[in-house]
Amino acid sequence: MVKISVIIPTYNRPVSLEKCLDALVNQTVDSSAWEVVVVNDGGEPLDSLLTKYQNRINCKSINQENCGPASARNAGVERAAGQIIALLDDDCLPERNWIQQIINHAKPGTIIGGKVNNFYNENLFSEASQVLIDFLYAFNEGRKDAFFTSNNFCLFREDFVRLKGFSTAFQTSAGEDREFCVRAENQGVKLIFNPEMKIRHAHKLSFISFCQLHKKYGFAAFDYQKSLQKQGVKFNSSPRLAFYFKMLKFPFKQAEYNFYQKAVLAFLLGISQFFVAVGFFQNKLLAN
């Protein structure tokens, strides 16, 4: 009996997807207990790649026109046979006990978020992006705007359906996971962090792609705030000096970095927020 459905949206990243599927092949849980649903979001055909896994894991695929990861995840859940939905991105590598952690901790009325580690830890642009997520997890814990990134969380299918899935109203592929988690908690779903549910995120960044990524986050943040207003969720939209102060201090509290790395990471966090602001106000101007 299929207990867990792993949903993986993908778009023209066959090399990354293959590495992701290889990591799933090595799970400690027998593959009869789980399935993989790959949603090809308008990319090149994946038949030849997925055929390699036909006798190794229970894997099925869906093809759709390019509509973004939110739509792709929703489509994957519609085809899912498992009672538990586990979300993973195609550039992520789950640890061998990832499925087992989901089995051990998933329960109705709860979203379980896992630990995301940067695969390219020598790349300080990629590392800074992950440090920012780690900081947001810690800073928002217990707040109404707490969230987990959609490359590593799970919940019961009945809860996903009750919440009507991810919003497809976002203009870019960012922000829908934050909105989903806030909407879920607003409807009584608990968010619980499990640091043993680990994946490695293999997203190599340059300075330019780092800036573009955080500009996209800022662009999505405007849509996110509009969504919260519609839900009646109160939030402080003005810049918070305490937030930025704690954010810049955060790398210096991490023991795994030397002083140079801490300083560079703090600098990059500051740069990220500049581009978040650029993206936010660009979207705001377009909306007016």
Protein backbone atom coordinates (compact mmCIF):
# COMPACT_ATOMS: atom_id res chain seq x y z
CA MET A 1 0.00 0.00 0.00
CA VAL A 2 1.34 3.42 -0.96
CA LYS A 3 1.55 5.52 2.19
CA ILE A 4 3.55 8.54 0.94
CA SER A 5 3.50 10.42 -2.36
CA VAL A 6 6.61 12.49 -3.09
CA ILE A 7 5.68 15.36 -5.43
CA ILE A 8 8.50 16.78 -7.59
CA PRO A 9 7.78 19.65 -10.00
CA THR A 10 10.42 20.05 -12.68
CA TYR A 11 11.19 22.22 -15.69
CA ASN A 12 14.12 21.46 -18.02
CA ARG A 13 16.56 20.32 -15.34
CA PRO A 14 17.06 16.63 -16.22
CA VAL A 15 20.52 16.39 -14.65
CA SER A 16 19.27 17.76 -11.34
CA LEU A 17 16.17 15.58 -11.47
CA GLU A 18 18.25 12.46 -12.08
CA LYS A 19 20.38 13.17 -9.00
CA CYS A 20 17.23 13.76 -6.97
CA LEU A 21 15.74 10.45 -8.09
CA ASP A 22 19.02 8.65 -7.39
CA ALA A 23 18.85 9.93 -3.81
CA LEU A 24 15.30 8.62 -3.52
CA VAL A 25 16.37 5.19 -4.81
CA ASN A 26 18.70 4.98 -1.79
CA GLN A 27 15.99 5.55 0.83
CA THR A 28 15.96 3.13 3.77
CA VAL A 29 12.20 2.51 3.44
CA ASP A 30 11.02 -0.12 0.96
CA SER A 31 9.69 1.59 -2.16
CA SER A 32 6.39 -0.31 -1.95
CA ALA A 33 5.39 2.12 0.83
CA TRP A 34 5.84 5.27 -1.25
CA GLU A 35 5.67 6.67 -4.74
CA VAL A 36 7.18 9.53 -6.69
CA VAL A 37 5.02 11.83 -8.82
CA VAL A 38 7.14 13.87 -11.24
CA VAL A 39 5.28 16.80 -12.76
CA ASN A 40 6.90 18.02 -15.97
CA ASP A 41 5.85 21.68 -16.05
CA GLY A 42 6.07 22.25 -19.81
CA GLY A 43 9.68 21.15 -20.22
CA GLU A 44 11.34 18.76 -22.65
CA PRO A 45 10.08 15.13 -22.55
CA LEU A 46 11.38 13.03 -19.65
CA ASP A 47 10.37 9.57 -20.85
CA SER A 48 13.91 8.30 -21.47
CA LEU A 49 15.10 9.51 -18.06
CA LEU A 50 12.16 8.16 -16.08
CA THR A 51 12.36 4.77 -17.83
CA LYS A 52 15.65 4.17 -15.98
CA TYR A 53 13.74 4.15 -12.68
CA GLN A 54 10.85 1.98 -13.82
CA ASN A 55 11.95 -1.10 -11.87
CA ARG A 56 13.74 0.72 -9.06
CA ILE A 57 11.04 2.92 -7.52
CA ASN A 58 7.32 3.44 -7.95
CA CYS A 59 7.45 6.51 -10.20
CA LYS A 60 4.80 8.10 -12.37
CA SER A 61 4.84 11.33 -14.36
CA ILE A 62 2.46 14.07 -15.40
CA ASN A 63 2.92 16.51 -18.27
CA GLN A 64 1.35 19.96 -18.24
CA GLU A 65 1.81 23.31 -19.93
CA ASN A 66 4.24 25.61 -18.17
CA CYS A 67 2.23 27.12 -15.29
CA GLY A 68 4.81 27.27 -12.49
CA PRO A 69 5.65 25.07 -9.50
CA ALA A 70 2.52 25.92 -7.50
CA SER A 71 0.28 24.61 -10.26
CA ALA A 72 2.60 21.63 -10.81
CA ARG A 73 2.46 20.62 -7.15
CA ASN A 74 -1.32 20.89 -7.13
CA ALA A 75 -1.49 18.68 -10.23
CA GLY A 76 0.83 16.17 -8.59
CA VAL A 77 -1.33 15.94 -5.50
CA GLU A 78 -4.41 15.31 -7.67
CA ARG A 79 -2.70 12.20 -9.05
CA ALA A 80 -1.17 11.13 -5.74
CA ALA A 81 -2.16 7.76 -4.27
CA GLY A 82 -0.59 8.26 -0.84
CA GLN A 83 -2.31 9.57 2.26
CA ILE A 84 0.74 11.69 3.06
CA ILE A 85 2.10 14.32 0.67
CA ALA A 86 5.85 15.02 0.75
CA LEU A 87 7.13 18.00 -1.24
CA LEU A 88 10.56 18.01 -2.81
CA ASP A 89 12.25 20.10 -5.53
CA ASP A 90 14.17 18.61 -8.44
CA ASP A 91 17.45 20.20 -7.28
CA CYS A 92 17.24 18.67 -3.81
CA LEU A 93 18.85 15.51 -2.46
CA PRO A 94 17.03 13.87 0.46
CA GLU A 95 19.08 12.06 3.09
CA ARG A 96 18.66 8.26 3.17
CA ASN A 97 16.25 8.36 6.14
CA TRP A 98 14.09 11.18 4.74
CA ILE A 99 11.08 8.97 3.97
CA GLN A 100 11.44 7.24 7.34
CA GLN A 101 11.38 10.59 9.13
CA ILE A 102 8.16 11.48 7.30
CA ILE A 103 6.56 8.19 8.32
CA ASN A 104 7.66 8.70 11.93
CA HIS A 105 6.41 12.27 12.34
CA ALA A 106 3.60 13.09 9.87
CA LYS A 107 0.18 13.41 11.44
CA PRO A 108 -3.18 14.94 10.47
CA GLY A 109 -3.61 18.66 11.07
CA THR A 110 0.14 19.29 10.93
CA ILE A 111 2.75 20.47 8.44
CA ILE A 112 6.16 19.00 9.22
CA GLY A 113 9.03 21.08 7.87
CA GLY A 114 12.50 19.63 7.51
CA LYS A 115 16.06 20.91 7.63
CA VAL A 116 17.50 22.23 4.35
CA ASN A 117 21.28 22.29 3.96
CA ASN A 118 23.15 23.98 1.14
CA PHE A 119 24.89 21.36 -1.03
CA TYR A 120 27.43 23.88 -2.34
CA ASN A 121 28.63 25.09 1.06
CA GLU A 122 31.84 26.50 -0.46
CA ASN A 123 29.68 28.85 -2.56
CA LEU A 124 28.97 31.77 -0.23
CA PHE A 125 26.16 33.10 -2.43
CA SER A 126 24.29 29.80 -2.11
CA GLU A 127 25.22 29.61 1.55
CA ALA A 128 23.94 33.13 2.25
CA SER A 129 20.59 32.30 0.68
CA GLN A 130 20.26 29.25 2.93
CA VAL A 131 21.43 31.18 6.00
CA LEU A 132 18.66 33.69 5.32
CA ILE A 133 16.07 30.88 5.30
CA ASP A 134 17.53 29.47 8.51
CA PHE A 135 17.27 32.90 10.11
CA LEU A 136 13.66 33.35 8.96
CA TYR A 137 12.74 29.95 10.40
CA ALA A 138 14.21 30.95 13.76
CA PHE A 139 12.89 34.53 13.73
CA ASN A 140 9.33 33.59 12.71
CA GLU A 141 8.96 30.60 15.02
CA GLY A 142 5.66 30.97 16.90
CA ARG A 143 4.57 33.94 14.76
CA LYS A 144 1.62 34.15 12.40
CA ASP A 145 3.96 34.39 9.40
CA ALA A 146 5.99 31.26 10.20
CA PHE A 147 6.58 29.07 7.14
CA PHE A 148 8.53 26.18 5.66
CA THR A 149 10.00 26.19 2.15
CA SER A 150 8.16 23.88 -0.24
CA ASN A 151 11.29 21.90 -1.12
CA ASN A 152 11.01 20.01 2.19
CA PHE A 153 7.74 19.69 4.01
CA CYS A 154 4.97 17.13 4.34
CA LEU A 155 1.34 16.96 5.40
CA PHE A 156 -1.65 14.66 5.09
CA ARG A 157 -3.37 14.73 1.70
CA GLU A 158 -6.72 15.47 3.35
CA ASP A 159 -5.29 18.66 4.85
CA PHE A 160 -3.78 19.73 1.51
CA VAL A 161 -7.15 19.22 -0.20
CA ARG A 162 -9.02 21.03 2.57
CA LEU A 163 -6.67 24.00 2.16
CA LYS A 164 -7.26 23.89 -1.63
CA GLY A 165 -3.58 23.58 -2.43
CA PHE A 166 -1.07 26.24 -3.36
CA SER A 167 -2.22 29.61 -4.63
CA THR A 168 -1.54 30.08 -8.34
CA ALA A 169 -2.07 33.83 -8.10
CA PHE A 170 1.63 34.61 -7.58
CA GLN A 171 3.28 36.22 -10.60
CA THR A 172 6.59 34.43 -10.04
CA SER A 173 7.79 31.11 -8.65
CA ALA A 174 8.28 32.30 -5.07
CA GLY A 175 6.13 33.14 -2.08
CA GLU A 176 3.44 30.51 -2.57
CA ASP A 177 4.93 28.27 0.13
CA ARG A 178 4.89 31.13 2.67
CA GLU A 179 1.30 31.95 1.77
CA PHE A 180 0.27 28.28 2.00
CA CYS A 181 1.78 27.87 5.47
CA VAL A 182 0.21 31.07 6.83
CA ARG A 183 -3.16 30.11 5.36
CA ALA A 184 -2.81 26.62 6.86
CA GLU A 185 -2.00 27.92 10.32
CA ASN A 186 -4.83 30.44 10.04
CA GLN A 187 -7.14 27.43 9.54
CA GLY A 188 -5.86 25.50 12.52
CA VAL A 189 -3.01 23.49 11.02
CA LYS A 190 0.11 23.33 13.22
CA LEU A 191 3.63 23.91 11.88
CA ILE A 192 6.30 21.68 13.44
CA PHE A 193 9.99 21.68 12.54
CA ASN A 194 11.85 18.36 12.39
CA PRO A 195 15.61 18.97 12.03
CA GLU A 196 16.21 15.26 11.29
CA MET A 197 14.13 15.39 8.08
CA LYS A 198 17.10 16.56 6.02
CA ILE A 199 17.73 17.42 2.39
CA ARG A 200 20.60 19.10 0.57
CA HIS A 201 19.69 21.91 -1.82
CA ALA A 202 21.98 21.95 -4.87
CA HIS A 203 21.43 25.48 -6.20
CA LYS A 204 24.70 27.08 -7.27
CA LEU A 205 24.57 30.89 -7.41
CA SER A 206 26.77 33.66 -8.76
CA PHE A 207 26.61 37.26 -7.54
CA ILE A 208 24.25 38.14 -10.40
CA SER A 209 21.95 35.15 -9.94
CA PHE A 210 21.99 35.76 -6.16
CA CYS A 211 20.75 39.33 -6.71
CA GLN A 212 18.16 38.19 -9.25
CA LEU A 213 16.88 35.50 -6.88
CA HIS A 214 16.32 37.92 -4.02
CA LYS A 215 14.77 40.49 -6.31
CA LYS A 216 12.31 37.74 -7.28
CA TYR A 217 11.65 37.05 -3.58
CA GLY A 218 10.88 40.73 -3.09
CA PHE A 219 8.58 40.76 -6.10
CA ALA A 220 6.69 37.79 -4.62
CA ALA A 221 6.63 39.41 -1.16
CA PHE A 222 4.26 42.08 -2.46
CA ASP A 223 1.81 39.43 -3.70
CA TYR A 224 2.27 37.60 -0.39
CA GLN A 225 1.30 40.66 1.62
CA LYS A 226 -1.77 41.24 -0.56
CA SER A 227 -2.81 37.65 0.11
CA LEU A 228 -2.43 38.07 3.87
CA GLN A 229 -4.59 41.19 3.75
CA LYS A 230 -7.34 39.22 1.99
CA GLN A 231 -7.13 36.55 4.71
CA GLY A 232 -7.36 39.16 7.46
CA VAL A 233 -3.94 38.21 8.85
CA LYS A 234 -2.36 41.17 10.62
CA PHE A 235 1.28 41.90 9.90
CA ASN A 236 3.70 44.80 10.15
CA SER A 237 4.66 45.82 6.61
CA SER A 238 7.03 48.60 7.65
CA PRO A 239 10.78 47.94 7.89
CA ARG A 240 11.76 46.56 11.30
CA LEU A 241 15.20 47.63 12.51
CA ALA A 242 15.24 44.83 15.09
CA PHE A 243 14.66 42.29 12.30
CA TYR A 244 17.60 43.56 10.21
CA PHE A 245 19.88 43.85 13.23
CA LYS A 246 19.19 40.25 14.26
CA MET A 247 19.58 39.09 10.66
CA LEU A 248 23.03 40.65 10.29
CA LYS A 249 24.11 39.18 13.63
CA PHE A 250 22.85 35.71 12.76
CA PRO A 251 25.91 34.50 10.75
CA PHE A 252 28.21 35.46 13.63
CA LYS A 253 26.34 33.03 15.89
CA GLN A 254 27.00 30.07 13.60
CA ALA A 255 29.99 28.07 14.84
CA GLU A 256 30.73 26.35 11.51
CA TYR A 257 32.06 29.53 9.87
CA ASN A 258 35.33 31.38 10.36
CA PHE A 259 35.28 35.14 10.90
CA TYR A 260 35.84 35.94 7.22
CA GLN A 261 32.94 33.73 6.17
CA LYS A 262 30.68 35.25 8.83
CA ALA A 263 31.50 38.77 7.64
CA VAL A 264 30.89 37.91 3.97
CA LEU A 265 27.62 36.16 4.79
CA ALA A 266 26.41 39.15 6.82
CA PHE A 267 27.34 41.47 3.94
CA LEU A 268 25.47 39.26 1.44
CA LEU A 269 22.42 39.17 3.70
CA GLY A 270 22.40 42.95 3.59
CA ILE A 271 22.71 42.89 -0.21
CA SER A 272 19.85 40.38 -0.39
CA GLN A 273 17.53 42.72 1.46
CA PHE A 274 18.39 45.60 -0.85
CA PHE A 275 17.29 43.50 -3.84
CA VAL A 276 14.24 42.22 -1.96
CA ALA A 277 13.22 45.88 -1.57
CA VAL A 278 13.88 46.54 -5.28
CA GLY A 279 11.65 43.64 -6.30
CA PHE A 280 8.94 44.57 -3.81
CA PHE A 281 8.65 48.17 -4.98
CA GLN A 282 8.85 47.14 -8.64
CA ASN A 283 5.77 44.97 -8.14
CA LYS A 284 4.08 47.70 -6.13
CA LEU A 285 4.62 50.22 -8.93
CA LEU A 286 3.24 47.77 -11.49
CA ALA A 287 0.15 47.25 -9.33
CA ASN A 288 -0.62 50.98 -9.12
